[in-house]
Amino acid sequence: METRKIQQVGGGTYTVSLPKEWATAADIEPGAVVALHSHIDGTLVVQSGVETDTTDPLPLSLDDAEPTCVERTLRAAYTAGVDSVELSSPDGVTEETHRRVDELTRALTGVTVTDSDDGAIQVRSLLDAEEVSITQSVRQLQFAALSAHRAATTAVTDPTPDAPGRQDDQTDRIAAMVDHYFQRGLDSLSVMDALGLTRPELFDCWVTARELTRVADHADRIAATADRLDDTVDPDLAADLDDLADRSRTLVEDAVGVVLDADCRLVDDSTAASKDGTATARRCLDARDAFIADTETLDRKLFESSDADYRVTHAVDALRGTAEAAGQIAEVGLQSLLRERCSSEMVVLSQTS
């Protein structure tokens, strides 16, 4: 790092000289235009060249690719932050491929087919980054994942014919959108500015979303266990499972709160113990450890029981995985809080009652 002295020109404008080595490497000469990005974290970034809003679509040749392969490629492009893709084939695009592409665009947020004929399909993301709230998307993902988790647990402990279905499509849609804008934010400073988050904040939201996707996957495992059970679960065992499931979901809610809720980051000296997010994060991690110990106890109980269905252990393992995902989110929140405060205040490490 090097420092430069700020100069004032004509009584109004402030100027600072650019390192010659950097300017030469970036092909910048007198009269060149650079982009200045004033970010919300207080940084001012000088970028050689100016970002444009329009980009040519990424060309992809279909050749003999199966529709499933085309769908996977489009999903990967969207997750990688690519805004526009053009699929073409010298032998023409099959009707099945057209149909699969149409179905996929309906499953991805803000994506549509903008041009289509027998030889090519152009797919583009039309959602403006300024219209996207990553934090709100993570909250929606939490709601969808925990709703699926609650329904799956109920299907094991108290099955009913009209139990709600799984919500994989909803969680996948939200998670894919977070992935998309996470990658776009890393690649483009203007997109990062439009999202209104610092890079560390965006990364924290992205990791949280990934862990919430794991919670949704564990919900699917629990639902699959319910489908395989032959008989109704014993009432005492059902009560144990319901208790663990409620605790695991509370853990997830508390952990996400550490990452997203502003109250965790505003500490009043008079009530620091009640508002300090680091204390909440540590309580989540302690509760995670206690939860895992309780699942191990229940595993032993099931193993020693002569009439328990061994498949219930799959649901217990999924509940343990839910708590572990919550612990990962709590660790992200704790790291974020410590990162913000390490230079300005002392963090109290003693336990609070």
Foldseek 3Di string as FASTA:
>chain_A
DDDWDWDDDPPDDIDTDDPPVVCVVLVHDPPADWDWDQAPVRDIDTGHDDDDPDDDAAEDECEPPDLVVVLVVVLVCQLLQGFKYKYFYPVWDDPVNVVSVQVSQVLAPQKDFPDDDRGMTMIGRDDQLLVDALLVLLVVLLVLLLVLLVLLLCLQQPNDPPGDDADLSVLVRSLSNLSNLLNVVVVDVVSVRSNRDDNLLSVLSNLLSVLSNLSSVLSVLSNVLSVPDDDHADNVVSVVSVVLSVLLSVLLVLLSCLSRPCQCQDADPVPNVVRPSLLSLVVSLVSLVVSLVVLVVVLVVQVPDPPHDNSVNSNSVSSNSSSVSSNVSSVSSNVVNCVVPVVPDDDDPDHDD
